[in-house]
Amino acid sequence: MGERTGYLRLIGLKKGKKTIVKESYSEGALKLTRPLYLTRSGEAYLYVMNPGGGYVEGDSYQIDILLEENAEAVVTTQSATKIYKTRSCPAIQEVDIHLKVGSVLEYLPDPVIAYQQACFKQRTVIRMAQSSSLICSDIYTPGWASDGTLFKYDLLQAKMEIYLEDKLILFDHVKLVPDTTINGIGMMEGFSHFGSMLVIDQRIDDVLLDQLQEIFDTLFDVRIGISMLAVKGFVLRVLANTTQDVEKVLNICHEMIRIRVLGKEPIFLRKY
């Protein structure tokens, strides 16, 4: 990728009842807060910050996260990721995650907001041990002008590879291009905001998914789909017309997973 605009490396280690930061390194336009402990579970809460205020033409970012055995962390961003005009050279982000035996990662960045003529490409590679757990979410939204109209970005593309014990179990490719077909069947279908949540845990079962579906059936103004994976886990997709509607669905799912699967209390990560 050439010279990086920002680089971040994080290694989490279980020490006693807490997860601590064994190693943290950052350079350029990415920073990491000290760990916070918001619950009694001992999990570390870490916030990724971008002092630059947004991604511009030619930016490239790399985030590396490693959780040692039994380490537990919640990683989020300080604010939304804003993508500005990037027509000739897209902003690029690479995320590499490695989860060792018994580790738990909740990777929950704030929404990506794509403004007029924005082009953003992201690639995420996750390597998991059999007994590790993952909750990972993404939200993609168009920027908007002061008169309330939505800006038309050029491209939002996200590729994800997940390996379980070095075996590829998921390849996911989201590509949003607001041309004449994006509102058609199989694409955005008239909606403007997109969100997804991926959950992998050996304790996921059909009963849990049925309960989630019952709740989602009561929600209006959104379109929701759940797909089971070949392993113990699922992918949740959401189409809506506001960020708040997408967040509501993902928060319901996240809260149930924390209570029913991880045996932890719900958390509130909103920063504003």
Protein backbone atom coordinates (compact mmCIF):
# COMPACT_ATOMS: atom_id res chain seq x y z
CA MET A 1 0.00 0.00 0.00
CA GLY A 2 3.03 2.27 0.15
CA GLU A 3 3.39 4.77 2.96
CA ARG A 4 0.53 4.42 5.43
CA THR A 5 -1.54 7.34 6.63
CA GLY A 6 -2.15 5.54 9.90
CA TYR A 7 -1.09 2.28 11.55
CA LEU A 8 -2.29 0.66 14.77
CA ARG A 9 -1.22 -2.56 16.50
CA LEU A 10 -2.87 -3.96 19.62
CA ILE A 11 -2.10 -7.13 21.62
CA GLY A 12 -4.44 -8.04 24.48
CA LEU A 13 -3.39 -10.37 27.33
CA LYS A 14 -5.45 -11.95 30.11
CA LYS A 15 -3.84 -11.18 33.47
CA GLY A 16 -5.76 -12.39 36.50
CA LYS A 17 -9.39 -11.42 36.04
CA LYS A 18 -8.64 -8.56 33.64
CA THR A 19 -7.54 -8.20 30.05
CA ILE A 20 -4.65 -5.78 29.78
CA VAL A 21 -2.85 -4.25 26.82
CA LYS A 22 0.33 -6.27 26.42
CA GLU A 23 1.50 -4.19 23.47
CA SER A 24 0.20 -1.08 21.76
CA TYR A 25 1.77 0.84 18.92
CA SER A 26 0.42 3.53 16.65
CA GLU A 27 1.75 5.93 14.07
CA GLY A 28 0.31 8.61 11.82
CA ALA A 29 -3.40 9.35 11.96
CA LEU A 30 -4.46 6.44 14.21
CA LYS A 31 -4.34 6.46 18.00
CA LEU A 32 -5.60 4.13 20.74
CA THR A 33 -6.95 5.04 24.16
CA ARG A 34 -5.89 3.38 27.37
CA PRO A 35 -8.18 0.47 28.29
CA LEU A 36 -11.34 1.20 30.24
CA TYR A 37 -13.23 -1.33 32.38
CA LEU A 38 -16.94 -0.62 32.14
CA THR A 39 -18.28 -3.93 33.48
CA ARG A 40 -17.39 -6.51 36.10
CA SER A 41 -16.31 -9.01 33.44
CA GLY A 42 -12.74 -7.72 33.25
CA GLU A 43 -12.92 -7.11 29.50
CA ALA A 44 -10.91 -4.20 28.16
CA TYR A 45 -12.71 -1.39 26.31
CA LEU A 46 -10.53 0.32 23.73
CA TYR A 47 -11.30 3.26 21.43
CA VAL A 48 -9.55 3.84 18.10
CA MET A 49 -9.14 7.54 17.30
CA ASN A 50 -8.36 9.39 14.07
CA PRO A 51 -7.23 12.95 14.94
CA GLY A 52 -7.29 13.84 11.23
CA GLY A 53 -11.07 14.00 11.19
CA GLY A 54 -11.66 11.85 8.11
CA TYR A 55 -10.27 9.85 5.20
CA VAL A 56 -9.25 11.72 2.05
CA GLU A 57 -7.84 10.86 -1.37
CA GLY A 58 -5.00 8.36 -1.27
CA ASP A 59 -5.22 7.59 2.47
CA SER A 60 -4.28 4.08 3.60
CA TYR A 61 -4.75 2.61 7.07
CA GLN A 62 -3.74 -0.64 8.75
CA ILE A 63 -5.18 -2.03 12.01
CA ASP A 64 -3.75 -5.21 13.59
CA ILE A 65 -5.44 -6.81 16.61
CA LEU A 66 -4.21 -9.91 18.45
CA LEU A 67 -5.91 -11.38 21.52
CA GLU A 68 -3.89 -13.92 23.46
CA GLU A 69 -5.51 -16.95 25.14
CA ASN A 70 -8.71 -16.10 27.08
CA ALA A 71 -8.28 -12.35 26.55
CA GLU A 72 -11.52 -10.39 26.14
CA ALA A 73 -11.83 -6.97 24.53
CA VAL A 74 -14.37 -4.57 23.08
CA VAL A 75 -12.82 -2.41 20.35
CA THR A 76 -14.73 0.51 18.88
CA THR A 77 -14.02 3.91 17.36
CA GLN A 78 -14.25 7.31 19.00
CA SER A 79 -16.57 8.57 16.25
CA ALA A 80 -17.84 7.82 12.77
CA THR A 81 -15.34 7.25 9.96
CA LYS A 82 -15.92 10.02 7.40
CA ILE A 83 -14.88 9.43 3.79
CA TYR A 84 -14.50 12.60 1.73
CA LYS A 85 -13.94 13.14 -2.01
CA THR A 86 -11.59 10.41 -3.26
CA ARG A 87 -12.27 10.09 -6.99
CA SER A 88 -8.81 9.42 -8.43
CA CYS A 89 -7.43 7.29 -5.58
CA PRO A 90 -9.69 5.53 -3.03
CA ALA A 91 -9.15 5.54 0.71
CA ILE A 92 -8.08 2.05 1.76
CA GLN A 93 -8.23 0.28 5.12
CA GLU A 94 -6.78 -3.14 6.00
CA VAL A 95 -7.79 -4.89 9.23
CA ASP A 96 -6.04 -8.06 10.47
CA ILE A 97 -7.43 -9.84 13.53
CA HIS A 98 -6.01 -12.92 15.28
CA LEU A 99 -7.99 -14.58 18.08
CA LYS A 100 -6.31 -17.30 20.14
CA VAL A 101 -7.93 -20.06 22.24
CA GLY A 102 -10.77 -18.84 24.47
CA SER A 103 -10.46 -15.19 23.44
CA VAL A 104 -13.47 -12.94 22.84
CA LEU A 105 -13.47 -9.89 20.57
CA GLU A 106 -16.33 -7.47 20.05
CA TYR A 107 -15.23 -5.25 17.15
CA LEU A 108 -17.89 -2.56 16.84
CA PRO A 109 -16.75 0.53 14.92
CA ASP A 110 -19.07 3.50 14.50
CA PRO A 111 -20.65 3.99 11.06
CA VAL A 112 -18.72 4.77 7.89
CA ILE A 113 -20.17 7.96 6.38
CA ALA A 114 -19.44 8.39 2.68
CA TYR A 115 -19.75 11.93 1.34
CA GLN A 116 -20.09 13.14 -2.24
CA GLN A 117 -17.69 11.39 -4.67
CA ALA A 118 -16.26 9.22 -1.88
CA CYS A 119 -14.56 5.93 -2.67
CA PHE A 120 -13.63 3.55 0.17
CA LYS A 121 -12.23 0.02 0.09
CA GLN A 122 -11.76 -2.18 3.15
CA ARG A 123 -10.32 -5.67 3.55
CA THR A 124 -10.64 -7.57 6.82
CA VAL A 125 -8.88 -10.88 7.54
CA ILE A 126 -9.77 -12.71 10.76
CA ARG A 127 -8.02 -15.84 12.03
CA MET A 128 -9.72 -17.65 14.90
CA ALA A 129 -9.01 -20.58 17.18
CA GLN A 130 -11.85 -23.09 17.50
CA SER A 131 -12.95 -21.91 20.95
CA SER A 132 -12.63 -18.17 20.35
CA SER A 133 -15.64 -15.86 19.92
CA LEU A 134 -16.27 -12.94 17.58
CA ILE A 135 -18.86 -10.20 17.24
CA CYS A 136 -18.13 -7.83 14.37
CA SER A 137 -20.32 -5.10 12.88
CA ASP A 138 -20.29 -2.54 10.08
CA ILE A 139 -22.63 0.31 9.15
CA TYR A 140 -22.42 2.20 5.84
CA THR A 141 -24.34 5.44 5.34
CA PRO A 142 -24.39 8.28 2.80
CA GLY A 143 -23.40 11.77 3.92
CA TRP A 144 -26.03 14.50 3.74
CA ALA A 145 -26.20 18.18 2.93
CA SER A 146 -27.63 20.97 5.10
CA ASP A 147 -30.90 20.88 3.11
CA GLY A 148 -31.38 17.22 4.08
CA THR A 149 -30.50 15.68 0.71
CA LEU A 150 -28.17 12.67 0.61
CA PHE A 151 -24.78 12.93 -1.04
CA LYS A 152 -24.02 10.35 -3.72
CA TYR A 153 -20.78 8.50 -2.99
CA ASP A 154 -18.97 6.62 -5.77
CA LEU A 155 -18.07 3.31 -4.08
CA LEU A 156 -18.19 1.49 -0.74
CA GLN A 157 -16.50 -1.89 -0.87
CA ALA A 158 -15.74 -4.29 1.99
CA LYS A 159 -14.18 -7.74 1.70
CA MET A 160 -13.91 -10.09 4.66
CA GLU A 161 -12.13 -13.43 5.05
CA ILE A 162 -12.49 -15.55 8.17
CA TYR A 163 -10.33 -18.57 8.91
CA LEU A 164 -11.16 -21.05 11.68
CA GLU A 165 -8.11 -23.15 12.58
CA ASP A 166 -6.58 -22.00 9.26
CA LYS A 167 -9.59 -23.18 7.24
CA LEU A 168 -11.50 -20.56 5.25
CA ILE A 169 -15.08 -20.55 6.55
CA LEU A 170 -16.36 -17.24 5.21
CA PHE A 171 -15.67 -14.91 2.33
CA ASP A 172 -17.97 -11.90 2.28
CA HIS A 173 -17.97 -9.15 -0.32
CA VAL A 174 -20.12 -6.03 0.01
CA LYS A 175 -19.98 -3.60 -2.92
CA LEU A 176 -22.25 -0.56 -3.01
CA VAL A 177 -22.17 1.60 -6.13
CA PRO A 178 -25.02 4.17 -6.29
CA ASP A 179 -25.78 3.85 -9.98
CA THR A 180 -29.09 3.09 -11.68
CA THR A 181 -29.24 -0.47 -10.28
CA ILE A 182 -28.41 -0.04 -6.59
CA ASN A 183 -32.07 0.45 -5.63
CA GLY A 184 -33.15 -2.70 -7.44
CA ILE A 185 -33.99 -6.18 -6.14
CA GLY A 186 -31.05 -7.87 -4.48
CA MET A 187 -29.31 -4.56 -3.77
CA MET A 188 -30.53 -1.69 -1.56
CA GLU A 189 -34.17 -2.07 -2.69
CA GLY A 190 -35.07 1.57 -2.05
CA PHE A 191 -33.13 1.93 1.22
CA SER A 192 -30.10 4.17 1.75
CA HIS A 193 -28.35 2.72 4.84
CA PHE A 194 -26.75 -0.71 5.24
CA GLY A 195 -25.55 -2.57 8.31
CA SER A 196 -24.29 -6.04 9.15
CA MET A 197 -23.27 -8.02 12.21
CA LEU A 198 -21.27 -11.23 12.17
CA VAL A 199 -21.33 -13.54 15.19
CA ILE A 200 -19.23 -16.70 15.60
CA ASP A 201 -19.42 -18.67 18.85
CA GLN A 202 -19.74 -22.38 19.62
CA ARG A 203 -22.79 -21.67 21.81
CA ILE A 204 -24.97 -20.21 19.03
CA ASP A 205 -28.09 -22.34 18.47
CA ASP A 206 -31.37 -22.30 16.54
CA VAL A 207 -33.37 -21.29 19.62
CA LEU A 208 -31.42 -18.04 19.91
CA LEU A 209 -31.93 -17.22 16.24
CA ASP A 210 -35.65 -17.94 16.50
CA GLN A 211 -35.90 -15.51 19.42
CA LEU A 212 -34.04 -12.84 17.46
CA GLN A 213 -36.31 -13.36 14.47
CA GLU A 214 -39.43 -12.97 16.64
CA ILE A 215 -38.17 -9.59 17.84
CA PHE A 216 -37.19 -8.46 14.35
CA ASP A 217 -40.62 -9.39 13.01
CA THR A 218 -42.08 -6.60 15.17
CA LEU A 219 -39.85 -3.91 13.64
CA PHE A 220 -41.03 -1.76 10.76
CA ASP A 221 -39.26 0.58 8.31
CA VAL A 222 -36.31 -1.82 8.09
CA ARG A 223 -35.52 -4.96 6.16
CA ILE A 224 -33.66 -7.68 8.06
CA GLY A 225 -32.12 -10.99 7.05
CA ILE A 226 -30.25 -13.65 9.04
CA SER A 227 -28.03 -16.25 7.38
CA MET A 228 -26.60 -19.24 9.23
CA LEU A 229 -22.95 -20.06 8.67
CA ALA A 230 -21.40 -23.48 8.10
CA VAL A 231 -19.95 -23.14 11.61
CA LYS A 232 -21.69 -22.07 14.81
CA GLY A 233 -22.60 -18.52 13.89
CA PHE A 234 -24.62 -16.23 11.66
CA VAL A 235 -24.60 -13.03 9.62
CA LEU A 236 -27.25 -10.37 10.18
CA ARG A 237 -28.02 -7.85 7.40
CA VAL A 238 -30.04 -4.66 7.80
CA LEU A 239 -31.41 -2.19 5.25
CA ALA A 240 -32.89 1.07 6.52
CA ASN A 241 -33.21 4.79 5.78
CA THR A 242 -31.53 6.14 8.94
CA THR A 243 -28.42 5.29 10.92
CA GLN A 244 -30.52 5.09 14.07
CA ASP A 245 -32.74 2.36 12.60
CA VAL A 246 -29.70 0.25 11.67
CA GLU A 247 -28.14 0.79 15.10
CA LYS A 248 -31.36 -0.24 16.81
CA VAL A 249 -31.37 -3.63 15.09
CA LEU A 250 -27.66 -4.27 15.68
CA ASN A 251 -27.97 -3.22 19.32
CA ILE A 252 -30.82 -5.69 19.90
CA CYS A 253 -28.71 -8.48 18.45
CA HIS A 254 -25.58 -7.45 20.35
CA GLU A 255 -27.42 -7.22 23.66
CA MET A 256 -28.95 -10.67 23.27
CA ILE A 257 -25.59 -12.23 22.36
CA ARG A 258 -23.93 -10.67 25.39
CA ILE A 259 -26.64 -11.86 27.78
CA ARG A 260 -27.52 -15.26 26.31
CA VAL A 261 -24.20 -16.39 24.88
CA LEU A 262 -21.37 -14.53 26.63
CA GLY A 263 -23.15 -14.32 29.99
CA LYS A 264 -22.38 -10.61 30.35
CA GLU A 265 -24.38 -7.51 31.04
CA PRO A 266 -25.42 -5.21 28.16
CA ILE A 267 -23.23 -2.21 27.36
CA PHE A 268 -23.88 1.21 25.88
CA LEU A 269 -21.09 2.41 23.57
CA ARG A 270 -22.64 5.50 21.99
CA LYS A 271 -20.32 8.48 22.46
CA TYR A 272 -22.66 11.38 21.72
